[in-house]
Amino acid sequence: MNHYLNEEEYLKVTTYLADKNERKGYGWNIRNMKPMPGELYINKEIETGGIVNLLDGETNNVRGVTNFDKNTLVEGRVFVISSVSFASAIEDAGKAVHGVDYSFDNVPASLRFSYLVVKQNDEVLMKLPINSILNGYKDGEKYRDLGAFSLIVPSQPIEVNIEYPNGTKITLPDGKSLYSSVFFRGFETYLKR
């Protein structure tokens, strides 16, 4: 195990947070923030066309559904995204989202050419074609590296949307629904003791 690699990522993130804090004036006490490897996720039964909001503002940190706090992160919880993962499934309508067998490979064509968009405070933090995410997996790893960090700050509404191509509507068999699973990997801050 290369311990220096872990330290390098940690140093990159702490430097990035310090820079953002200084340039944006967040007022964070960087010395009390401890970045730890983490993941944010959303599993959801979704519509088959249009713009689909994955964070409804009502689901509050339900294990197996999402670990967002409604459509925000609580105060003191800062998240630095470094990579993203996407999977989907066609299953029985109304099935518990944490019981769905998601696939990274069998994603419907119209969904592949949709965009995954993350916004906060009217700023686009990430906008990628889902096909680009799927094609970005390397060496068996089911995450696409972003090549740059994206910062989600606490206590501000977050939008995570799937934007289908105009006029697209995926046709599903009777009694079936489309499900999506999105994971963001990176570093989450905790307060040091």
N, C-alpha and C. Protein backbone atom coordinates (compact mmCIF):
# COMPACT_ATOMS: atom_id res chain seq x y z
N MET A 1 0.84 -1.18 0.00
CA MET A 1 0.00 0.00 0.00
C MET A 1 0.89 1.24 0.00
N ASN A 2 0.57 2.19 -0.87
CA ASN A 2 1.34 3.42 -0.98
C ASN A 2 0.74 4.49 -0.08
N HIS A 3 1.31 4.68 1.10
CA HIS A 3 0.79 5.66 2.04
C HIS A 3 0.96 7.10 1.53
N TYR A 4 1.99 7.32 0.73
CA TYR A 4 2.21 8.66 0.20
C TYR A 4 1.09 9.10 -0.74
N LEU A 5 0.52 8.13 -1.45
CA LEU A 5 -0.59 8.44 -2.35
C LEU A 5 -1.77 8.97 -1.54
N ASN A 6 -2.09 8.35 -0.41
CA ASN A 6 -3.17 8.83 0.46
C ASN A 6 -2.86 10.23 0.97
N GLU A 7 -1.61 10.46 1.38
CA GLU A 7 -1.24 11.78 1.88
C GLU A 7 -1.30 12.83 0.78
N GLU A 8 -0.95 12.43 -0.44
CA GLU A 8 -0.99 13.37 -1.55
C GLU A 8 -2.42 13.85 -1.81
N GLU A 9 -3.38 12.94 -1.86
CA GLU A 9 -4.78 13.32 -2.05
C GLU A 9 -5.25 14.23 -0.92
N TYR A 10 -4.91 13.87 0.32
CA TYR A 10 -5.29 14.66 1.48
C TYR A 10 -4.73 16.08 1.36
N LEU A 11 -3.46 16.19 0.98
CA LEU A 11 -2.83 17.51 0.84
C LEU A 11 -3.45 18.31 -0.29
N LYS A 12 -3.78 17.65 -1.40
CA LYS A 12 -4.45 18.35 -2.50
C LYS A 12 -5.78 18.93 -2.03
N VAL A 13 -6.54 18.14 -1.30
CA VAL A 13 -7.87 18.57 -0.85
C VAL A 13 -7.76 19.71 0.17
N THR A 14 -6.85 19.59 1.14
CA THR A 14 -6.72 20.66 2.14
C THR A 14 -6.25 21.96 1.49
N THR A 15 -5.35 21.86 0.51
CA THR A 15 -4.90 23.05 -0.22
C THR A 15 -6.05 23.65 -1.01
N TYR A 16 -6.84 22.81 -1.66
CA TYR A 16 -8.00 23.26 -2.43
C TYR A 16 -9.01 23.96 -1.53
N LEU A 17 -9.31 23.37 -0.37
CA LEU A 17 -10.26 23.98 0.57
C LEU A 17 -9.76 25.32 1.09
N ALA A 18 -8.48 25.39 1.41
CA ALA A 18 -7.90 26.65 1.90
C ALA A 18 -8.00 27.73 0.83
N ASP A 19 -7.72 27.36 -0.42
CA ASP A 19 -7.80 28.31 -1.52
C ASP A 19 -9.24 28.80 -1.73
N LYS A 20 -10.20 27.86 -1.75
CA LYS A 20 -11.61 28.23 -1.91
C LYS A 20 -12.08 29.12 -0.76
N ASN A 21 -11.66 28.78 0.46
CA ASN A 21 -12.04 29.55 1.64
C ASN A 21 -11.54 30.99 1.53
N GLU A 22 -10.32 31.14 1.06
CA GLU A 22 -9.74 32.48 0.94
C GLU A 22 -10.39 33.27 -0.19
N ARG A 23 -10.56 32.62 -1.35
CA ARG A 23 -11.10 33.34 -2.52
C ARG A 23 -12.59 33.63 -2.39
N LYS A 24 -13.35 32.73 -1.77
CA LYS A 24 -14.81 32.90 -1.67
C LYS A 24 -15.25 33.50 -0.34
N GLY A 25 -14.34 33.56 0.64
CA GLY A 25 -14.68 34.15 1.94
C GLY A 25 -15.69 33.35 2.74
N TYR A 26 -15.56 32.01 2.74
CA TYR A 26 -16.50 31.18 3.48
C TYR A 26 -16.36 31.34 4.99
N GLY A 27 -15.20 31.72 5.48
CA GLY A 27 -15.01 31.87 6.92
C GLY A 27 -14.79 30.56 7.65
N TRP A 28 -14.35 29.53 6.95
CA TRP A 28 -14.09 28.24 7.58
C TRP A 28 -12.79 28.30 8.37
N ASN A 29 -12.76 27.60 9.48
CA ASN A 29 -11.50 27.42 10.22
C ASN A 29 -10.88 26.13 9.68
N ILE A 30 -10.01 26.30 8.69
CA ILE A 30 -9.43 25.15 7.99
C ILE A 30 -8.68 24.22 8.94
N ARG A 31 -8.07 24.76 9.96
CA ARG A 31 -7.32 23.92 10.90
C ARG A 31 -8.21 22.93 11.65
N ASN A 32 -9.50 23.28 11.79
CA ASN A 32 -10.44 22.39 12.48
C ASN A 32 -11.19 21.46 11.54
N MET A 33 -10.91 21.56 10.24
CA MET A 33 -11.59 20.71 9.26
C MET A 33 -10.70 19.52 8.93
N LYS A 34 -11.26 18.33 9.05
CA LYS A 34 -10.52 17.11 8.75
C LYS A 34 -11.16 16.42 7.55
N PRO A 35 -10.53 16.53 6.36
CA PRO A 35 -11.08 15.83 5.20
C PRO A 35 -10.87 14.32 5.32
N MET A 36 -11.94 13.58 5.09
CA MET A 36 -11.89 12.11 5.13
C MET A 36 -12.47 11.59 3.81
N PRO A 37 -11.93 10.49 3.28
CA PRO A 37 -12.53 9.92 2.07
C PRO A 37 -14.02 9.64 2.31
N GLY A 38 -14.83 9.97 1.31
CA GLY A 38 -16.26 9.77 1.47
C GLY A 38 -16.96 9.65 0.13
N GLU A 39 -18.24 9.31 0.20
CA GLU A 39 -19.08 9.21 -0.99
C GLU A 39 -20.47 9.75 -0.68
N LEU A 40 -21.02 10.47 -1.62
CA LEU A 40 -22.42 10.88 -1.57
C LEU A 40 -23.15 10.05 -2.63
N TYR A 41 -24.40 9.68 -2.36
CA TYR A 41 -25.12 8.89 -3.35
C TYR A 41 -26.60 9.22 -3.36
N ILE A 42 -27.21 8.90 -4.50
CA ILE A 42 -28.66 9.05 -4.68
C ILE A 42 -29.14 7.86 -5.50
N ASN A 43 -30.06 7.10 -4.95
CA ASN A 43 -30.75 6.03 -5.68
C ASN A 43 -32.21 6.47 -5.83
N LYS A 44 -32.73 6.40 -7.05
CA LYS A 44 -34.08 6.93 -7.24
C LYS A 44 -34.78 6.29 -8.43
N GLU A 45 -36.09 6.10 -8.29
CA GLU A 45 -36.97 5.73 -9.41
C GLU A 45 -37.21 7.02 -10.18
N ILE A 46 -36.93 7.02 -11.50
CA ILE A 46 -36.93 8.28 -12.24
C ILE A 46 -37.90 8.26 -13.42
N GLU A 47 -38.20 9.46 -13.90
CA GLU A 47 -39.02 9.63 -15.10
C GLU A 47 -38.20 9.22 -16.32
N THR A 48 -38.87 9.04 -17.45
CA THR A 48 -38.21 8.54 -18.65
C THR A 48 -37.99 9.62 -19.72
N GLY A 49 -38.08 10.88 -19.32
CA GLY A 49 -37.84 11.99 -20.25
C GLY A 49 -37.86 13.30 -19.51
N GLY A 50 -37.48 14.38 -20.21
CA GLY A 50 -37.48 15.72 -19.63
C GLY A 50 -36.28 15.97 -18.73
N ILE A 51 -36.48 16.80 -17.71
CA ILE A 51 -35.45 17.09 -16.72
C ILE A 51 -35.90 16.45 -15.41
N VAL A 52 -35.08 15.57 -14.87
CA VAL A 52 -35.42 14.81 -13.67
C VAL A 52 -34.55 15.29 -12.52
N ASN A 53 -35.18 15.81 -11.47
CA ASN A 53 -34.45 16.25 -10.27
C ASN A 53 -34.28 15.04 -9.35
N LEU A 54 -33.03 14.67 -9.07
CA LEU A 54 -32.78 13.49 -8.24
C LEU A 54 -32.89 13.78 -6.75
N LEU A 55 -32.73 15.06 -6.37
CA LEU A 55 -32.88 15.45 -4.95
C LEU A 55 -34.19 16.20 -4.81
N ASP A 56 -35.14 15.59 -4.10
CA ASP A 56 -36.48 16.17 -4.03
C ASP A 56 -36.67 17.18 -2.91
N GLY A 57 -35.70 17.35 -2.03
CA GLY A 57 -35.84 18.29 -0.93
C GLY A 57 -36.64 17.75 0.22
N GLU A 58 -37.09 16.50 0.13
CA GLU A 58 -37.88 15.90 1.21
C GLU A 58 -37.20 14.69 1.83
N THR A 59 -36.47 13.91 1.02
CA THR A 59 -35.82 12.70 1.52
C THR A 59 -34.59 13.09 2.32
N ASN A 60 -34.61 12.79 3.61
CA ASN A 60 -33.55 13.26 4.50
C ASN A 60 -32.65 12.12 4.95
N ASN A 61 -31.53 11.94 4.26
CA ASN A 61 -30.48 11.02 4.68
C ASN A 61 -31.04 9.65 5.07
N VAL A 62 -31.71 9.01 4.12
CA VAL A 62 -32.31 7.69 4.35
C VAL A 62 -31.35 6.64 3.80
N ARG A 63 -30.84 5.79 4.67
CA ARG A 63 -29.87 4.77 4.27
C ARG A 63 -30.42 3.93 3.12
N GLY A 64 -29.63 3.81 2.05
CA GLY A 64 -30.03 3.06 0.87
C GLY A 64 -30.73 3.90 -0.18
N VAL A 65 -31.17 5.10 0.20
CA VAL A 65 -31.84 6.00 -0.73
C VAL A 65 -30.90 7.16 -1.09
N THR A 66 -30.44 7.89 -0.09
CA THR A 66 -29.49 9.00 -0.29
C THR A 66 -28.83 9.33 1.04
N ASN A 67 -27.65 9.92 0.97
CA ASN A 67 -27.02 10.43 2.18
C ASN A 67 -26.87 11.94 2.13
N PHE A 68 -27.64 12.58 1.24
CA PHE A 68 -27.79 14.03 1.28
C PHE A 68 -28.82 14.34 2.37
N ASP A 69 -28.75 15.52 2.95
CA ASP A 69 -29.73 15.99 3.93
C ASP A 69 -30.77 16.80 3.16
N LYS A 70 -31.83 16.12 2.72
CA LYS A 70 -32.82 16.67 1.81
C LYS A 70 -32.08 17.08 0.54
N ASN A 71 -32.00 18.38 0.23
CA ASN A 71 -31.24 18.81 -0.94
C ASN A 71 -30.07 19.72 -0.54
N THR A 72 -29.52 19.45 0.64
CA THR A 72 -28.38 20.23 1.13
C THR A 72 -27.40 19.31 1.87
N LEU A 73 -26.33 19.90 2.34
CA LEU A 73 -25.45 19.26 3.32
C LEU A 73 -25.55 20.10 4.59
N VAL A 74 -25.55 19.45 5.75
CA VAL A 74 -25.68 20.19 7.02
C VAL A 74 -24.46 21.07 7.25
N GLU A 75 -24.62 22.08 8.07
CA GLU A 75 -23.54 23.02 8.38
C GLU A 75 -22.32 22.26 8.87
N GLY A 76 -21.15 22.64 8.34
CA GLY A 76 -19.90 21.99 8.71
C GLY A 76 -19.55 20.80 7.85
N ARG A 77 -20.49 20.34 7.02
CA ARG A 77 -20.25 19.18 6.15
C ARG A 77 -19.95 19.68 4.73
N VAL A 78 -18.69 19.78 4.40
CA VAL A 78 -18.24 20.23 3.08
C VAL A 78 -17.82 18.98 2.31
N PHE A 79 -18.14 18.94 1.01
CA PHE A 79 -17.77 17.78 0.21
C PHE A 79 -17.03 18.22 -1.05
N VAL A 80 -15.88 17.60 -1.28
CA VAL A 80 -15.06 17.85 -2.47
C VAL A 80 -15.19 16.62 -3.37
N ILE A 81 -15.82 16.80 -4.53
CA ILE A 81 -16.03 15.69 -5.47
C ILE A 81 -14.81 15.56 -6.37
N SER A 82 -14.31 14.31 -6.50
CA SER A 82 -13.20 14.06 -7.41
C SER A 82 -13.58 13.08 -8.53
N SER A 83 -14.63 12.28 -8.32
CA SER A 83 -15.06 11.33 -9.36
C SER A 83 -16.55 11.02 -9.21
N VAL A 84 -17.12 10.46 -10.28
CA VAL A 84 -18.56 10.20 -10.32
C VAL A 84 -18.82 8.83 -10.93
N SER A 85 -19.93 8.21 -10.51
CA SER A 85 -20.34 6.92 -11.02
C SER A 85 -21.84 6.95 -11.32
N PHE A 86 -22.25 6.22 -12.36
CA PHE A 86 -23.66 6.19 -12.74
C PHE A 86 -24.06 4.78 -13.14
N ALA A 87 -25.22 4.35 -12.69
CA ALA A 87 -25.78 3.05 -13.07
C ALA A 87 -27.30 3.20 -13.18
N SER A 88 -27.93 2.27 -13.87
CA SER A 88 -29.39 2.32 -14.00
C SER A 88 -29.95 0.90 -14.04
N ALA A 89 -31.27 0.82 -13.99
CA ALA A 89 -31.95 -0.47 -14.06
C ALA A 89 -33.40 -0.26 -14.48
N ILE A 90 -33.95 -1.27 -15.09
CA ILE A 90 -35.39 -1.31 -15.36
C ILE A 90 -35.93 -2.46 -14.51
N GLU A 91 -36.77 -2.10 -13.55
CA GLU A 91 -37.30 -3.07 -12.57
C GLU A 91 -38.79 -2.81 -12.38
N ASP A 92 -39.41 -3.64 -11.54
CA ASP A 92 -40.83 -3.45 -11.23
C ASP A 92 -41.05 -2.06 -10.63
N ALA A 93 -42.12 -1.41 -11.06
CA ALA A 93 -42.46 -0.09 -10.55
C ALA A 93 -42.69 -0.16 -9.04
N GLY A 94 -42.23 0.86 -8.33
CA GLY A 94 -42.45 0.95 -6.90
C GLY A 94 -41.52 0.11 -6.05
N LYS A 95 -40.56 -0.54 -6.64
CA LYS A 95 -39.60 -1.35 -5.88
C LYS A 95 -38.73 -0.45 -5.01
N ALA A 96 -38.33 -0.93 -3.85
CA ALA A 96 -37.44 -0.16 -2.97
C ALA A 96 -36.13 0.08 -3.71
N VAL A 97 -35.70 1.34 -3.79
CA VAL A 97 -34.52 1.69 -4.60
C VAL A 97 -33.25 1.01 -4.13
N HIS A 98 -33.18 0.66 -2.86
CA HIS A 98 -31.98 -0.01 -2.35
C HIS A 98 -31.99 -1.50 -2.65
N GLY A 99 -33.08 -2.02 -3.22
CA GLY A 99 -33.18 -3.43 -3.57
C GLY A 99 -33.05 -3.68 -5.07
N VAL A 100 -32.76 -2.62 -5.82
CA VAL A 100 -32.65 -2.72 -7.28
C VAL A 100 -31.23 -3.18 -7.66
N ASP A 101 -31.15 -4.04 -8.67
CA ASP A 101 -29.86 -4.52 -9.18
C ASP A 101 -29.41 -3.58 -10.31
N TYR A 102 -28.67 -2.55 -9.95
CA TYR A 102 -28.23 -1.52 -10.91
C TYR A 102 -27.13 -2.06 -11.81
N SER A 103 -27.12 -1.59 -13.06
CA SER A 103 -26.13 -2.01 -14.04
C SER A 103 -25.34 -0.81 -14.56
N PHE A 104 -24.06 -1.00 -14.72
CA PHE A 104 -23.21 0.03 -15.32
C PHE A 104 -23.16 -0.14 -16.84
N ASP A 105 -23.60 -1.29 -17.33
CA ASP A 105 -23.46 -1.61 -18.74
C ASP A 105 -24.76 -1.49 -19.53
N ASN A 106 -25.88 -1.90 -18.96
CA ASN A 106 -27.14 -1.92 -19.69
C ASN A 106 -27.95 -0.65 -19.45
N VAL A 107 -27.38 0.48 -19.83
CA VAL A 107 -28.03 1.78 -19.68
C VAL A 107 -28.74 2.10 -21.00
N PRO A 108 -30.05 2.41 -20.98
CA PRO A 108 -30.77 2.72 -22.22
C PRO A 108 -30.08 3.85 -23.01
N ALA A 109 -30.12 3.75 -24.33
CA ALA A 109 -29.41 4.69 -25.21
C ALA A 109 -29.79 6.14 -24.92
N SER A 110 -31.08 6.44 -24.78
CA SER A 110 -31.50 7.83 -24.54
C SER A 110 -30.97 8.35 -23.21
N LEU A 111 -30.84 7.46 -22.23
CA LEU A 111 -30.28 7.86 -20.94
C LEU A 111 -28.77 8.09 -21.07
N ARG A 112 -28.10 7.27 -21.89
CA ARG A 112 -26.67 7.45 -22.11
C ARG A 112 -26.35 8.83 -22.67
N PHE A 113 -27.24 9.35 -23.51
CA PHE A 113 -26.98 10.64 -24.15
C PHE A 113 -27.66 11.80 -23.43
N SER A 114 -28.11 11.52 -22.22
CA SER A 114 -28.60 12.56 -21.33
C SER A 114 -27.41 13.14 -20.57
N TYR A 115 -27.61 14.27 -19.92
CA TYR A 115 -26.57 14.89 -19.11
C TYR A 115 -26.86 14.69 -17.63
N LEU A 116 -25.81 14.48 -16.85
CA LEU A 116 -25.89 14.54 -15.40
C LEU A 116 -25.36 15.92 -15.02
N VAL A 117 -26.20 16.72 -14.35
CA VAL A 117 -25.85 18.10 -14.03
C VAL A 117 -25.97 18.32 -12.52
N VAL A 118 -24.91 18.88 -11.94
CA VAL A 118 -24.91 19.23 -10.52
C VAL A 118 -24.75 20.74 -10.43
N LYS A 119 -25.68 21.39 -9.70
CA LYS A 119 -25.65 22.85 -9.54
C LYS A 119 -25.80 23.22 -8.07
N GLN A 120 -25.19 24.33 -7.71
CA GLN A 120 -25.40 24.92 -6.39
C GLN A 120 -25.24 26.42 -6.53
N ASN A 121 -26.18 27.17 -5.96
CA ASN A 121 -26.16 28.64 -6.05
C ASN A 121 -26.08 29.12 -7.50
N ASP A 122 -26.84 28.49 -8.38
CA ASP A 122 -26.88 28.82 -9.81
C ASP A 122 -25.55 28.63 -10.52
N GLU A 123 -24.62 27.92 -9.90
CA GLU A 123 -23.33 27.61 -10.52
C GLU A 123 -23.33 26.13 -10.91
N VAL A 124 -22.95 25.85 -12.14
CA VAL A 124 -22.83 24.47 -12.59
C VAL A 124 -21.51 23.92 -12.06
N LEU A 125 -21.61 22.90 -11.20
CA LEU A 125 -20.42 22.27 -10.64
C LEU A 125 -19.93 21.12 -11.51
N MET A 126 -20.87 20.50 -12.22
CA MET A 126 -20.54 19.37 -13.08
C MET A 126 -21.63 19.24 -14.12
N LYS A 127 -21.24 19.02 -15.36
CA LYS A 127 -22.21 18.76 -16.44
C LYS A 127 -21.53 17.81 -17.41
N LEU A 128 -21.93 16.54 -17.34
CA LEU A 128 -21.31 15.51 -18.17
C LEU A 128 -22.38 14.65 -18.84
N PRO A 129 -22.15 14.29 -20.10
CA PRO A 129 -23.02 13.29 -20.70
C PRO A 129 -22.84 11.98 -19.92
N ILE A 130 -23.93 11.29 -19.65
CA ILE A 130 -23.86 10.04 -18.89
C ILE A 130 -22.97 9.04 -19.63
N ASN A 131 -23.00 9.07 -20.95
CA ASN A 131 -22.13 8.19 -21.73
C ASN A 131 -20.65 8.46 -21.43
N SER A 132 -20.30 9.72 -21.24
CA SER A 132 -18.92 10.08 -20.90
C SER A 132 -18.52 9.51 -19.54
N ILE A 133 -19.46 9.50 -18.60
CA ILE A 133 -19.19 8.90 -17.28
C ILE A 133 -18.94 7.41 -17.45
N LEU A 134 -19.84 6.73 -18.18
CA LEU A 134 -19.73 5.28 -18.36
C LEU A 134 -18.46 4.89 -19.10
N ASN A 135 -18.09 5.70 -20.10
CA ASN A 135 -16.88 5.40 -20.89
C ASN A 135 -15.60 5.79 -20.16
N GLY A 136 -15.72 6.51 -19.06
CA GLY A 136 -14.55 6.96 -18.31
C GLY A 136 -14.07 5.99 -17.26
N TYR A 137 -14.75 4.85 -17.11
CA TYR A 137 -14.31 3.85 -16.13
C TYR A 137 -13.04 3.18 -16.65
N LYS A 138 -12.05 3.03 -15.75
CA LYS A 138 -10.77 2.44 -16.15
C LYS A 138 -10.37 1.35 -15.17
N ASP A 139 -9.68 0.34 -15.70
CA ASP A 139 -9.09 -0.72 -14.88
C ASP A 139 -10.11 -1.38 -13.94
N GLY A 140 -11.34 -1.56 -14.42
CA GLY A 140 -12.36 -2.20 -13.60
C GLY A 140 -12.99 -1.30 -12.55
N GLU A 141 -12.49 -0.09 -12.40
CA GLU A 141 -13.01 0.89 -11.43
C GLU A 141 -14.28 1.50 -12.01
N LYS A 142 -15.35 1.53 -11.24
CA LYS A 142 -16.63 2.04 -11.72
C LYS A 142 -16.83 3.50 -11.31
N TYR A 143 -15.78 4.30 -11.47
CA TYR A 143 -15.85 5.75 -11.24
C TYR A 143 -15.10 6.45 -12.37
N ARG A 144 -15.65 7.58 -12.82
CA ARG A 144 -14.95 8.41 -13.79
C ARG A 144 -14.29 9.54 -13.03
N ASP A 145 -12.99 9.66 -13.19
CA ASP A 145 -12.24 10.74 -12.57
C ASP A 145 -12.61 12.04 -13.27
N LEU A 146 -12.87 13.09 -12.49
CA LEU A 146 -13.26 14.37 -13.08
C LEU A 146 -12.08 15.17 -13.60
N GLY A 147 -10.88 14.89 -13.09
CA GLY A 147 -9.71 15.64 -13.51
C GLY A 147 -9.59 16.98 -12.80
N ALA A 148 -10.59 17.35 -12.02
CA ALA A 148 -10.59 18.58 -11.23
C ALA A 148 -11.62 18.40 -10.10
N PHE A 149 -11.46 19.17 -9.04
CA PHE A 149 -12.39 19.06 -7.93
C PHE A 149 -13.63 19.92 -8.17
N SER A 150 -14.76 19.47 -7.61
CA SER A 150 -15.99 20.26 -7.53
C SER A 150 -16.36 20.35 -6.06
N LEU A 151 -16.73 21.52 -5.61
CA LEU A 151 -16.99 21.77 -4.19
C LEU A 151 -18.48 21.94 -3.93
N ILE A 152 -19.00 21.13 -2.98
CA ILE A 152 -20.36 21.31 -2.49
C ILE A 152 -20.26 21.88 -1.08
N VAL A 153 -20.84 23.07 -0.89
CA VAL A 153 -20.78 23.73 0.41
C VAL A 153 -22.04 23.44 1.21
N PRO A 154 -21.98 23.56 2.53
CA PRO A 154 -23.13 23.24 3.37
C PRO A 154 -24.21 24.32 3.34
N SER A 155 -25.40 23.90 3.74
CA SER A 155 -26.55 24.79 3.97
C SER A 155 -27.02 25.56 2.75
N GLN A 156 -26.66 25.13 1.57
CA GLN A 156 -27.10 25.76 0.33
C GLN A 156 -27.76 24.69 -0.53
N PRO A 157 -28.94 24.98 -1.12
CA PRO A 157 -29.62 23.98 -1.94
C PRO A 157 -28.76 23.46 -3.09
N ILE A 158 -28.84 22.17 -3.31
CA ILE A 158 -28.09 21.48 -4.37
C ILE A 158 -29.10 20.89 -5.34
N GLU A 159 -28.80 21.00 -6.62
CA GLU A 159 -29.61 20.34 -7.65
C GLU A 159 -28.75 19.26 -8.30
N VAL A 160 -29.28 18.07 -8.40
CA VAL A 160 -28.66 17.00 -9.19
C VAL A 160 -29.73 16.54 -10.16
N ASN A 161 -29.51 16.84 -11.44
CA ASN A 161 -30.52 16.57 -12.46
C ASN A 161 -30.00 15.65 -13.55
N ILE A 162 -30.93 14.90 -14.12
CA ILE A 162 -30.69 14.21 -15.38
C ILE A 162 -31.47 14.99 -16.43
N GLU A 163 -30.79 15.44 -17.48
CA GLU A 163 -31.42 16.20 -18.55
C GLU A 163 -31.40 15.35 -19.82
N TYR A 164 -32.59 14.83 -20.18
CA TYR A 164 -32.71 14.01 -21.38
C TYR A 164 -32.61 14.87 -22.64
N PRO A 165 -32.22 14.28 -23.77
CA PRO A 165 -32.30 15.02 -25.04
C PRO A 165 -33.74 15.47 -25.29
N ASN A 166 -33.91 16.62 -25.91
CA ASN A 166 -35.25 17.15 -26.18
C ASN A 166 -36.11 16.14 -26.91
N GLY A 167 -37.33 15.97 -26.44
CA GLY A 167 -38.30 15.10 -27.08
C GLY A 167 -38.13 13.62 -26.78
N THR A 168 -37.14 13.27 -25.96
CA THR A 168 -36.89 11.86 -25.65
C THR A 168 -37.88 11.35 -24.62
N LYS A 169 -38.36 10.14 -24.84
CA LYS A 169 -39.19 9.44 -23.87
C LYS A 169 -38.87 7.96 -24.01
N ILE A 170 -38.29 7.38 -22.98
CA ILE A 170 -37.95 5.96 -23.00
C ILE A 170 -39.23 5.15 -22.78
N THR A 171 -39.49 4.19 -23.65
CA THR A 171 -40.66 3.32 -23.53
C THR A 171 -40.29 2.10 -22.71
N LEU A 172 -41.06 1.85 -21.67
CA LEU A 172 -40.81 0.72 -20.77
C LEU A 172 -41.95 -0.29 -20.85
N PRO A 173 -41.68 -1.56 -20.56
CA PRO A 173 -42.76 -2.54 -20.50
C PRO A 173 -43.75 -2.18 -19.39
N ASP A 174 -44.98 -2.63 -19.53
CA ASP A 174 -46.01 -2.37 -18.51
C ASP A 174 -45.55 -2.84 -17.14
N GLY A 175 -45.79 -2.01 -16.14
CA GLY A 175 -45.46 -2.36 -14.76
C GLY A 175 -43.99 -2.16 -14.40
N LYS A 176 -43.20 -1.66 -15.34
CA LYS A 176 -41.77 -1.44 -15.09
C LYS A 176 -41.47 0.05 -14.94
N SER A 177 -40.38 0.35 -14.21
CA SER A 177 -39.91 1.72 -14.04
C SER A 177 -38.41 1.77 -14.27
N LEU A 178 -37.92 2.98 -14.51
CA LEU A 178 -36.49 3.22 -14.69
C LEU A 178 -35.93 3.73 -13.37
N TYR A 179 -34.78 3.21 -12.98
CA TYR A 179 -34.11 3.59 -11.74
C TYR A 179 -32.70 4.06 -12.06
N SER A 180 -32.21 5.02 -11.28
CA SER A 180 -30.83 5.46 -11.45
C SER A 180 -30.11 5.46 -10.11
N SER A 181 -28.80 5.27 -10.18
CA SER A 181 -27.93 5.29 -9.01
C SER A 181 -26.72 6.15 -9.34
N VAL A 182 -26.54 7.24 -8.59
CA VAL A 182 -25.43 8.16 -8.81
C VAL A 182 -24.59 8.20 -7.54
N PHE A 183 -23.28 8.06 -7.70
CA PHE A 183 -22.34 8.16 -6.58
C PHE A 183 -21.31 9.23 -6.90
N PHE A 184 -21.01 10.05 -5.91
CA PHE A 184 -19.94 11.03 -6.00
C PHE A 184 -18.88 10.63 -4.99
N ARG A 185 -17.66 10.44 -5.44
CA ARG A 185 -16.56 10.08 -4.55
C ARG A 185 -15.66 11.29 -4.36
N GLY A 186 -15.12 11.40 -3.16
CA GLY A 186 -14.22 12.51 -2.88
C GLY A 186 -13.85 12.55 -1.42
N PHE A 187 -13.86 13.75 -0.84
CA PHE A 187 -13.51 13.96 0.55
C PHE A 187 -14.58 14.79 1.23
N GLU A 188 -14.97 14.32 2.41
CA GLU A 188 -15.96 15.00 3.23
C GLU A 188 -15.27 15.52 4.48
N THR A 189 -15.62 16.73 4.90
CA THR A 189 -14.95 17.30 6.07
C THR A 189 -15.72 17.00 7.35
N TYR A 190 -14.95 16.75 8.39
CA TYR A 190 -15.45 16.58 9.75
C TYR A 190 -14.67 17.54 10.62
N LEU A 191 -15.25 17.93 11.75
CA LEU A 191 -14.53 18.81 12.67
C LEU A 191 -13.58 17.98 13.52
N LYS A 192 -12.33 18.47 13.62
CA LYS A 192 -11.34 17.79 14.47
C LYS A 192 -11.68 17.99 15.92
N ARG A 193 -11.30 17.03 16.76
CA ARG A 193 -11.52 17.19 18.21
C ARG A 193 -10.36 17.95 18.83
